[in-house]
PDB file of N, CA and C in Angstrom:
ATOM      1  N   MET A   1     -42.376 -33.809 -63.560  1.00  0.00           N
ATOM      2  CA  MET A   1     -41.621 -34.458 -64.757  1.00  0.00           C
ATOM      3  C   MET A   1     -41.292 -36.000 -64.430  1.00  0.00           C
ATOM      4  N   LYS A   2     -40.987 -36.352 -62.817  1.00  0.00           N
ATOM      5  CA  LYS A   2     -40.953 -37.733 -62.541  1.00  0.00           C
ATOM      6  C   LYS A   2     -41.628 -38.575 -62.654  1.00  0.00           C
ATOM      7  N   CYS A   3     -42.763 -37.972 -61.927  1.00  0.00           N
ATOM      8  CA  CYS A   3     -44.409 -38.846 -62.187  1.00  0.00           C
ATOM      9  C   CYS A   3     -44.725 -39.064 -63.257  1.00  0.00           C
ATOM     10  N   HIS A   4     -44.908 -38.182 -64.139  1.00  0.00           N
ATOM     11  CA  HIS A   4     -45.617 -38.426 -65.134  1.00  0.00           C
ATOM     12  C   HIS A   4     -44.472 -38.747 -66.859  1.00  0.00           C
ATOM     13  N   LYS A   5     -43.016 -38.914 -66.212  1.00  0.00           N
ATOM     14  CA  LYS A   5     -42.437 -39.461 -67.217  1.00  0.00           C
ATOM     15  C   LYS A   5     -42.199 -38.625 -68.517  1.00  0.00           C
ATOM     16  N   VAL A   6     -42.023 -37.304 -68.296  1.00  0.00           N
ATOM     17  CA  VAL A   6     -42.154 -36.302 -69.311  1.00  0.00           C
ATOM     18  C   VAL A   6     -40.846 -35.510 -69.527  1.00  0.00           C
ATOM     19  N   ASN A   7     -40.294 -34.700 -70.451  1.00  0.00           N
ATOM     20  CA  ASN A   7     -39.158 -33.940 -70.352  1.00  0.00           C
ATOM     21  C   ASN A   7     -39.439 -32.582 -69.951  1.00  0.00           C
ATOM     22  N   PHE A   8     -38.803 -31.690 -70.029  1.00  0.00           N
ATOM     23  CA  PHE A   8     -38.534 -30.559 -69.344  1.00  0.00           C
ATOM     24  C   PHE A   8     -39.555 -29.459 -70.586  1.00  0.00           C
ATOM     25  N   GLY A   9     -39.196 -30.007 -72.099  1.00  0.00           N
ATOM     26  CA  GLY A   9     -39.948 -29.181 -72.662  1.00  0.00           C
ATOM     27  C   GLY A   9     -41.207 -29.764 -72.978  1.00  0.00           C
ATOM     28  N   ASP A  10     -41.624 -30.961 -72.672  1.00  0.00           N
ATOM     29  CA  ASP A  10     -43.223 -31.169 -72.569  1.00  0.00           C
ATOM     30  C   ASP A  10     -43.685 -30.720 -71.201  1.00  0.00           C
ATOM     31  N   ALA A  11     -43.226 -30.612 -70.078  1.00  0.00           N
ATOM     32  CA  ALA A  11     -43.771 -30.033 -69.308  1.00  0.00           C
ATOM     33  C   ALA A  11     -44.102 -28.501 -69.386  1.00  0.00           C
ATOM     34  N   TYR A  12     -43.337 -27.960 -69.706  1.00  0.00           N
ATOM     35  CA  TYR A  12     -43.202 -26.380 -69.854  1.00  0.00           C
ATOM     36  C   TYR A  12     -44.519 -26.332 -70.904  1.00  0.00           C
ATOM     37  N   VAL A  13     -44.198 -27.422 -72.209  1.00  0.00           N
ATOM     38  CA  VAL A  13     -45.652 -26.901 -72.900  1.00  0.00           C
ATOM     39  C   VAL A  13     -47.000 -26.927 -71.847  1.00  0.00           C
ATOM     40  N   LYS A  14     -47.028 -28.059 -71.206  1.00  0.00           N
ATOM     41  CA  LYS A  14     -48.446 -28.478 -70.487  1.00  0.00           C
ATOM     42  C   LYS A  14     -48.508 -27.726 -69.680  1.00  0.00           C
ATOM     43  N   LEU A  15     -47.442 -26.967 -69.235  1.00  0.00           N
ATOM     44  CA  LEU A  15     -47.923 -25.622 -68.252  1.00  0.00           C
ATOM     45  C   LEU A  15     -48.255 -24.548 -69.061  1.00  0.00           C
ATOM     46  N   GLN A  16     -47.728 -24.025 -70.064  1.00  0.00           N
ATOM     47  CA  GLN A  16     -48.553 -22.990 -70.939  1.00  0.00           C
ATOM     48  C   GLN A  16     -49.643 -23.427 -71.418  1.00  0.00           C
ATOM     49  N   GLN A  17     -50.308 -24.340 -71.471  1.00  0.00           N
ATOM     50  CA  GLN A  17     -51.801 -25.028 -71.894  1.00  0.00           C
ATOM     51  C   GLN A  17     -52.238 -24.700 -70.658  1.00  0.00           C
ATOM     52  N   LEU A  18     -52.071 -25.139 -69.685  1.00  0.00           N
ATOM     53  CA  LEU A  18     -52.513 -24.919 -68.152  1.00  0.00           C
ATOM     54  C   LEU A  18     -53.227 -23.473 -67.587  1.00  0.00           C
ATOM     55  N   LYS A  19     -51.687 -22.728 -67.666  1.00  0.00           N
ATOM     56  CA  LYS A  19     -51.566 -21.609 -67.338  1.00  0.00           C
ATOM     57  C   LYS A  19     -50.850 -20.477 -68.067  1.00  0.00           C
ATOM     58  N   PRO A  20     -51.305 -19.665 -69.329  1.00  0.00           N
ATOM     59  CA  PRO A  20     -50.760 -19.393 -70.435  1.00  0.00           C
ATOM     60  C   PRO A  20     -49.805 -17.873 -69.771  1.00  0.00           C
ATOM     61  N   ASP A  21     -49.963 -17.670 -68.574  1.00  0.00           N
ATOM     62  CA  ASP A  21     -49.595 -16.354 -67.980  1.00  0.00           C
ATOM     63  C   ASP A  21     -48.353 -16.607 -67.182  1.00  0.00           C
ATOM     64  N   VAL A  22     -47.960 -17.807 -67.066  1.00  0.00           N
ATOM     65  CA  VAL A  22     -46.804 -18.157 -65.968  1.00  0.00           C
ATOM     66  C   VAL A  22     -45.560 -18.116 -66.680  1.00  0.00           C
ATOM     67  N   LYS A  23     -44.555 -17.682 -66.044  1.00  0.00           N
ATOM     68  CA  LYS A  23     -43.348 -17.337 -66.877  1.00  0.00           C
ATOM     69  C   LYS A  23     -42.407 -17.981 -65.523  1.00  0.00           C
ATOM     70  N   MET A  24     -41.267 -18.711 -66.186  1.00  0.00           N
ATOM     71  CA  MET A  24     -40.499 -19.571 -65.313  1.00  0.00           C
ATOM     72  C   MET A  24     -39.311 -18.553 -65.045  1.00  0.00           C
ATOM     73  N   ASN A  25     -38.543 -18.266 -64.224  1.00  0.00           N
ATOM     74  CA  ASN A  25     -37.032 -17.403 -64.262  1.00  0.00           C
ATOM     75  C   ASN A  25     -36.310 -18.379 -64.690  1.00  0.00           C
ATOM     76  N   GLU A  26     -34.945 -17.833 -65.313  1.00  0.00           N
ATOM     77  CA  GLU A  26     -33.921 -18.320 -65.614  1.00  0.00           C
ATOM     78  C   GLU A  26     -33.356 -19.422 -64.870  1.00  0.00           C
ATOM     79  N   GLY A  27     -33.096 -18.787 -63.370  1.00  0.00           N
ATOM     80  CA  GLY A  27     -32.553 -19.714 -62.336  1.00  0.00           C
ATOM     81  C   GLY A  27     -33.513 -21.175 -62.245  1.00  0.00           C
ATOM     82  N   PHE A  28     -34.523 -21.010 -62.509  1.00  0.00           N
ATOM     83  CA  PHE A  28     -35.850 -22.051 -62.071  1.00  0.00           C
ATOM     84  C   PHE A  28     -35.565 -23.252 -63.272  1.00  0.00           C
ATOM     85  N   VAL A  29     -35.235 -22.523 -64.844  1.00  0.00           N
ATOM     86  CA  VAL A  29     -35.119 -23.388 -65.783  1.00  0.00           C
ATOM     87  C   VAL A  29     -33.484 -24.105 -65.524  1.00  0.00           C
ATOM     88  N   ASP A  30     -33.099 -23.645 -65.171  1.00  0.00           N
ATOM     89  CA  ASP A  30     -31.607 -24.042 -65.402  1.00  0.00           C
ATOM     90  C   ASP A  30     -31.527 -25.589 -64.230  1.00  0.00           C
ATOM     91  N   GLN A  31     -32.385 -25.353 -62.915  1.00  0.00           N
ATOM     92  CA  GLN A  31     -32.563 -26.240 -62.075  1.00  0.00           C
ATOM     93  C   GLN A  31     -33.276 -27.346 -62.591  1.00  0.00           C
ATOM     94  N   LEU A  32     -34.209 -26.726 -63.727  1.00  0.00           N
ATOM     95  CA  LEU A  32     -35.023 -27.957 -64.293  1.00  0.00           C
ATOM     96  C   LEU A  32     -34.151 -28.779 -65.382  1.00  0.00           C
ATOM     97  N   ALA A  33     -33.449 -28.122 -66.099  1.00  0.00           N
ATOM     98  CA  ALA A  33     -32.706 -28.774 -67.025  1.00  0.00           C
ATOM     99  C   ALA A  33     -31.690 -29.909 -66.407  1.00  0.00           C
ATOM    100  N   LEU A  34     -30.773 -28.948 -65.057  1.00  0.00           N
ATOM    101  CA  LEU A  34     -30.160 -29.930 -64.311  1.00  0.00           C
ATOM    102  C   LEU A  34     -30.853 -31.298 -64.262  1.00  0.00           C
ATOM    103  N   TYR A  35     -31.948 -30.835 -63.377  1.00  0.00           N
ATOM    104  CA  TYR A  35     -32.755 -32.295 -62.812  1.00  0.00           C
ATOM    105  C   TYR A  35     -33.057 -32.995 -63.999  1.00  0.00           C
ATOM    106  N   GLU A  36     -33.140 -33.024 -65.202  1.00  0.00           N
ATOM    107  CA  GLU A  36     -33.337 -33.557 -66.195  1.00  0.00           C
ATOM    108  C   GLU A  36     -32.503 -34.301 -66.493  1.00  0.00           C
ATOM    109  N   SER A  37     -31.302 -33.588 -66.638  1.00  0.00           N
ATOM    110  CA  SER A  37     -29.834 -34.371 -66.965  1.00  0.00           C
ATOM    111  C   SER A  37     -29.557 -35.265 -66.074  1.00  0.00           C
ATOM    112  N   LEU A  38     -30.033 -35.549 -64.573  1.00  0.00           N
ATOM    113  CA  LEU A  38     -29.707 -36.472 -63.777  1.00  0.00           C
ATOM    114  C   LEU A  38     -30.534 -37.438 -63.674  1.00  0.00           C
ATOM    115  N   GLY A  39     -31.446 -37.313 -64.791  1.00  0.00           N
ATOM    116  CA  GLY A  39     -32.163 -38.442 -64.889  1.00  0.00           C
ATOM    117  C   GLY A  39     -33.534 -38.547 -63.780  1.00  0.00           C
ATOM    118  N   CYS A  40     -34.106 -36.796 -63.662  1.00  0.00           N
ATOM    119  CA  CYS A  40     -34.979 -36.231 -62.291  1.00  0.00           C
ATOM    120  C   CYS A  40     -34.447 -37.437 -61.163  1.00  0.00           C
ATOM    121  N   GLU A  41     -33.473 -37.731 -60.741  1.00  0.00           N
ATOM    122  CA  GLU A  41     -32.999 -37.487 -59.536  1.00  0.00           C
ATOM    123  C   GLU A  41     -31.687 -36.772 -59.096  1.00  0.00           C
ATOM    124  N   VAL A  42     -31.980 -36.527 -57.794  1.00  0.00           N
ATOM    125  CA  VAL A  42     -30.365 -35.442 -57.293  1.00  0.00           C
ATOM    126  C   VAL A  42     -29.508 -36.262 -56.933  1.00  0.00           C
ATOM    127  N   ASP A  43     -28.888 -36.313 -57.285  1.00  0.00           N
ATOM    128  CA  ASP A  43     -27.335 -36.480 -57.081  1.00  0.00           C
ATOM    129  C   ASP A  43     -26.564 -35.973 -56.408  1.00  0.00           C
ATOM    130  N   VAL A  44     -26.043 -35.547 -55.398  1.00  0.00           N
ATOM    131  CA  VAL A  44     -24.902 -34.514 -54.904  1.00  0.00           C
ATOM    132  C   VAL A  44     -23.718 -34.903 -55.289  1.00  0.00           C
ATOM    133  N   THR A  45     -23.315 -36.152 -55.639  1.00  0.00           N
ATOM    134  CA  THR A  45     -22.355 -36.410 -56.019  1.00  0.00           C
ATOM    135  C   THR A  45     -21.920 -36.785 -57.647  1.00  0.00           C
ATOM    136  N   SER A  46     -22.637 -36.157 -58.403  1.00  0.00           N
ATOM    137  CA  SER A  46     -22.684 -35.947 -59.603  1.00  0.00           C
ATOM    138  C   SER A  46     -21.651 -34.719 -60.018  1.00  0.00           C
ATOM    139  N   PRO A  47     -20.793 -34.667 -60.807  1.00  0.00           N
ATOM    140  CA  PRO A  47     -19.742 -33.491 -61.238  1.00  0.00           C
ATOM    141  C   PRO A  47     -20.674 -32.495 -62.148  1.00  0.00           C
ATOM    142  N   GLN A  48     -21.886 -32.520 -62.457  1.00  0.00           N
ATOM    143  CA  GLN A  48     -22.670 -31.788 -62.802  1.00  0.00           C
ATOM    144  C   GLN A  48     -23.465 -31.133 -61.713  1.00  0.00           C
ATOM    145  N   TYR A  49     -23.771 -31.651 -60.883  1.00  0.00           N
ATOM    146  CA  TYR A  49     -24.737 -31.345 -59.384  1.00  0.00           C
ATOM    147  C   TYR A  49     -23.223 -30.250 -59.323  1.00  0.00           C
ATOM    148  N   LYS A  50     -22.183 -30.746 -59.196  1.00  0.00           N
ATOM    149  CA  LYS A  50     -21.180 -30.094 -58.295  1.00  0.00           C
ATOM    150  C   LYS A  50     -20.582 -29.015 -59.012  1.00  0.00           C
ATOM    151  N   ARG A  51     -20.784 -28.773 -60.191  1.00  0.00           N
ATOM    152  CA  ARG A  51     -20.473 -27.693 -60.948  1.00  0.00           C
ATOM    153  C   ARG A  51     -21.680 -26.561 -60.858  1.00  0.00           C
ATOM    154  N   TYR A  52     -22.466 -26.997 -61.113  1.00  0.00           N
ATOM    155  CA  TYR A  52     -23.857 -26.129 -60.856  1.00  0.00           C
ATOM    156  C   TYR A  52     -23.753 -25.606 -59.442  1.00  0.00           C
ATOM    157  N   ARG A  53     -23.721 -25.949 -58.128  1.00  0.00           N
ATOM    158  CA  ARG A  53     -23.671 -25.657 -57.191  1.00  0.00           C
ATOM    159  C   ARG A  53     -22.571 -24.636 -56.760  1.00  0.00           C
ATOM    160  N   LEU A  54     -21.305 -25.020 -57.468  1.00  0.00           N
ATOM    161  CA  LEU A  54     -20.156 -24.326 -57.340  1.00  0.00           C
ATOM    162  C   LEU A  54     -20.321 -22.781 -58.539  1.00  0.00           C
ATOM    163  N   GLN A  55     -21.122 -23.032 -59.385  1.00  0.00           N
ATOM    164  CA  GLN A  55     -21.430 -21.793 -59.537  1.00  0.00           C
ATOM    165  C   GLN A  55     -22.404 -20.764 -59.196  1.00  0.00           C
ATOM    166  N   LYS A  56     -23.620 -21.301 -58.679  1.00  0.00           N
ATOM    167  CA  LYS A  56     -24.395 -20.773 -57.697  1.00  0.00           C
ATOM    168  C   LYS A  56     -23.510 -19.758 -56.385  1.00  0.00           C
ATOM    169  N   LEU A  57     -22.696 -20.544 -55.931  1.00  0.00           N
ATOM    170  CA  LEU A  57     -22.205 -19.888 -55.007  1.00  0.00           C
ATOM    171  C   LEU A  57     -20.855 -19.114 -55.174  1.00  0.00           C
ATOM    172  N   THR A  58     -20.577 -18.792 -56.266  1.00  0.00           N
ATOM    173  CA  THR A  58     -19.378 -17.990 -56.653  1.00  0.00           C
ATOM    174  C   THR A  58     -20.415 -16.707 -57.532  1.00  0.00           C
ATOM    175  N   GLU A  59     -21.566 -17.027 -57.533  1.00  0.00           N
ATOM    176  CA  GLU A  59     -22.828 -16.023 -57.868  1.00  0.00           C
ATOM    177  C   GLU A  59     -22.999 -15.278 -56.540  1.00  0.00           C
ATOM    178  N   LYS A  60     -23.153 -16.045 -55.523  1.00  0.00           N
ATOM    179  CA  LYS A  60     -24.012 -15.450 -54.353  1.00  0.00           C
ATOM    180  C   LYS A  60     -22.687 -14.806 -53.769  1.00  0.00           C
ATOM    181  N   TYR A  61     -21.317 -15.585 -53.227  1.00  0.00           N
ATOM    182  CA  TYR A  61     -20.179 -15.078 -52.644  1.00  0.00           C
ATOM    183  C   TYR A  61     -19.336 -14.842 -53.730  1.00  0.00           C
ATOM    184  N   PRO A  62     -19.056 -13.715 -54.551  1.00  0.00           N
ATOM    185  CA  PRO A  62     -18.005 -13.290 -55.502  1.00  0.00           C
ATOM    186  C   PRO A  62     -16.684 -13.022 -54.972  1.00  0.00           C
ATOM    187  N   GLU A  63     -15.402 -13.565 -55.589  1.00  0.00           N
ATOM    188  CA  GLU A  63     -14.309 -13.136 -54.794  1.00  0.00           C
ATOM    189  C   GLU A  63     -14.052 -11.666 -55.232  1.00  0.00           C
ATOM    190  N   PRO A  64     -13.603 -11.283 -53.375  1.00  0.00           N
ATOM    191  CA  PRO A  64     -13.033 -10.049 -53.341  1.00  0.00           C
ATOM    192  C   PRO A  64     -12.306  -9.632 -54.059  1.00  0.00           C
ATOM    193  N   ASN A  65     -11.856  -8.110 -53.929  1.00  0.00           N
ATOM    194  CA  ASN A  65     -10.826  -7.414 -54.552  1.00  0.00           C
ATOM    195  C   ASN A  65      -9.449  -7.997 -53.517  1.00  0.00           C
ATOM    196  N   LEU A  66      -8.224  -9.175 -54.098  1.00  0.00           N
ATOM    197  CA  LEU A  66      -7.719  -9.493 -53.450  1.00  0.00           C
ATOM    198  C   LEU A  66      -6.208  -8.827 -53.577  1.00  0.00           C
ATOM    199  N   GLY A  67      -6.150  -7.633 -54.175  1.00  0.00           N
ATOM    200  CA  GLY A  67      -4.947  -7.338 -54.701  1.00  0.00           C
ATOM    201  C   GLY A  67      -3.979  -6.520 -52.961  1.00  0.00           C
ATOM    202  N   LYS A  68      -5.071  -5.690 -52.041  1.00  0.00           N
ATOM    203  CA  LYS A  68      -4.406  -5.309 -50.975  1.00  0.00           C
ATOM    204  C   LYS A  68      -3.763  -6.655 -50.139  1.00  0.00           C
ATOM    205  N   VAL A  69      -4.429  -7.781 -50.156  1.00  0.00           N
ATOM    206  CA  VAL A  69      -3.783  -8.837 -49.649  1.00  0.00           C
ATOM    207  C   VAL A  69      -2.225  -8.873 -50.277  1.00  0.00           C
ATOM    208  N   HIS A  70      -2.008  -9.213 -51.438  1.00  0.00           N
ATOM    209  CA  HIS A  70      -0.761  -9.372 -51.793  1.00  0.00           C
ATOM    210  C   HIS A  70       0.261  -8.213 -51.407  1.00  0.00           C
ATOM    211  N   ASP A  71      -0.191  -6.910 -51.054  1.00  0.00           N
ATOM    212  CA  ASP A  71       0.398  -5.851 -50.378  1.00  0.00           C
ATOM    213  C   ASP A  71       0.930  -5.993 -48.923  1.00  0.00           C
ATOM    214  N   ALA A  72      -0.110  -6.804 -48.667  1.00  0.00           N
ATOM    215  CA  ALA A  72       0.726  -6.933 -47.200  1.00  0.00           C
ATOM    216  C   ALA A  72       1.212  -8.250 -46.836  1.00  0.00           C
ATOM    217  N   VAL A  73       1.001  -9.101 -47.404  1.00  0.00           N
ATOM    218  CA  VAL A  73       2.069 -10.616 -47.168  1.00  0.00           C
ATOM    219  C   VAL A  73       2.668 -11.207 -48.047  1.00  0.00           C
ATOM    220  N   ASP A  74       3.750 -11.145 -48.143  1.00  0.00           N
ATOM    221  CA  ASP A  74       4.590 -11.415 -48.170  1.00  0.00           C
ATOM    222  C   ASP A  74       4.862 -13.221 -48.594  1.00  0.00           C
ATOM    223  N   LEU A  75       4.597 -14.017 -49.495  1.00  0.00           N
ATOM    224  CA  LEU A  75       4.064 -15.669 -49.136  1.00  0.00           C
ATOM    225  C   LEU A  75       5.555 -16.368 -48.828  1.00  0.00           C
ATOM    226  N   ASN A  76       6.769 -15.551 -49.160  1.00  0.00           N
ATOM    227  CA  ASN A  76       7.831 -16.215 -48.584  1.00  0.00           C
ATOM    228  C   ASN A  76       8.385 -15.860 -47.111  1.00  0.00           C
ATOM    229  N   LYS A  77       7.996 -14.572 -46.447  1.00  0.00           N
ATOM    230  CA  LYS A  77       7.941 -14.204 -45.614  1.00  0.00           C
ATOM    231  C   LYS A  77       7.088 -14.251 -44.297  1.00  0.00           C
ATOM    232  N   GLY A  78       5.953 -14.407 -44.930  1.00  0.00           N
ATOM    233  CA  GLY A  78       4.733 -14.216 -43.885  1.00  0.00           C
ATOM    234  C   GLY A  78       3.993 -12.620 -43.645  1.00  0.00           C
ATOM    235  N   PRO A  79       3.455 -12.417 -42.885  1.00  0.00           N
ATOM    236  CA  PRO A  79       2.901 -11.360 -42.920  1.00  0.00           C
ATOM    237  C   PRO A  79       3.622 -10.137 -42.211  1.00  0.00           C
ATOM    238  N   LYS A  80       3.295  -9.131 -42.724  1.00  0.00           N
ATOM    239  CA  LYS A  80       4.328  -7.786 -42.390  1.00  0.00           C
ATOM    240  C   LYS A  80       3.731  -7.153 -40.755  1.00  0.00           C
ATOM    241  N   THR A  81       4.561  -7.136 -40.250  1.00  0.00           N
ATOM    242  CA  THR A  81       4.135  -6.475 -38.845  1.00  0.00           C
ATOM    243  C   THR A  81       4.692  -5.315 -38.618  1.00  0.00           C
ATOM    244  N   SER A  82       4.144  -4.143 -38.061  1.00  0.00           N
ATOM    245  CA  SER A  82       4.598  -3.066 -37.615  1.00  0.00           C
ATOM    246  C   SER A  82       5.735  -2.805 -36.393  1.00  0.00           C
ATOM    247  N   GLY A  83       6.837  -2.454 -37.023  1.00  0.00           N
ATOM    248  CA  GLY A  83       7.938  -2.202 -36.245  1.00  0.00           C
ATOM    249  C   GLY A  83       8.721  -3.460 -35.844  1.00  0.00           C
ATOM    250  N   SER A  84       8.779  -4.857 -36.341  1.00  0.00           N
ATOM    251  CA  SER A  84       9.576  -6.009 -36.411  1.00  0.00           C
ATOM    252  C   SER A  84       9.376  -6.445 -37.979  1.00  0.00           C
ATOM    253  N   LYS A  85      10.612  -6.915 -37.856  1.00  0.00           N
ATOM    254  CA  LYS A  85      11.398  -7.765 -39.105  1.00  0.00           C
ATOM    255  C   LYS A  85      11.315  -9.204 -38.677  1.00  0.00           C
ATOM    256  N   VAL A  86      10.732  -9.726 -39.999  1.00  0.00           N
ATOM    257  CA  VAL A  86      10.967 -11.257 -40.184  1.00  0.00           C
ATOM    258  C   VAL A  86      12.123 -11.693 -40.521  1.00  0.00           C
ATOM    259  N   ALA A  87      12.334 -12.752 -39.696  1.00  0.00           N
ATOM    260  CA  ALA A  87      13.637 -13.520 -39.889  1.00  0.00           C
ATOM    261  C   ALA A  87      13.544 -14.343 -41.066  1.00  0.00           C
ATOM    262  N   PRO A  88      15.003 -14.043 -42.092  1.00  0.00           N
ATOM    263  CA  PRO A  88      14.733 -14.907 -43.094  1.00  0.00           C
ATOM    264  C   PRO A  88      14.967 -16.573 -43.047  1.00  0.00           C
TER     265      PRO A  88
END
């Protein structure tokens, strides 16, 4: 895209003409769309790039169920310990 100065749509059409059986997965298409939106430069300081990375990280490491943590820790008193009391 960068070398030939073409947008994603044109690059995809050209690819389909050369190799009609090629299919791109959704993740790769998202990456190419982001790359194009960043002017075919990878700018790790860009809000768009940061949002994309955060989305990928949350997909890879989903938030665990934190319900048990709330039962074990009173944010005003600290963690519960067996047999001891927390001073106010």
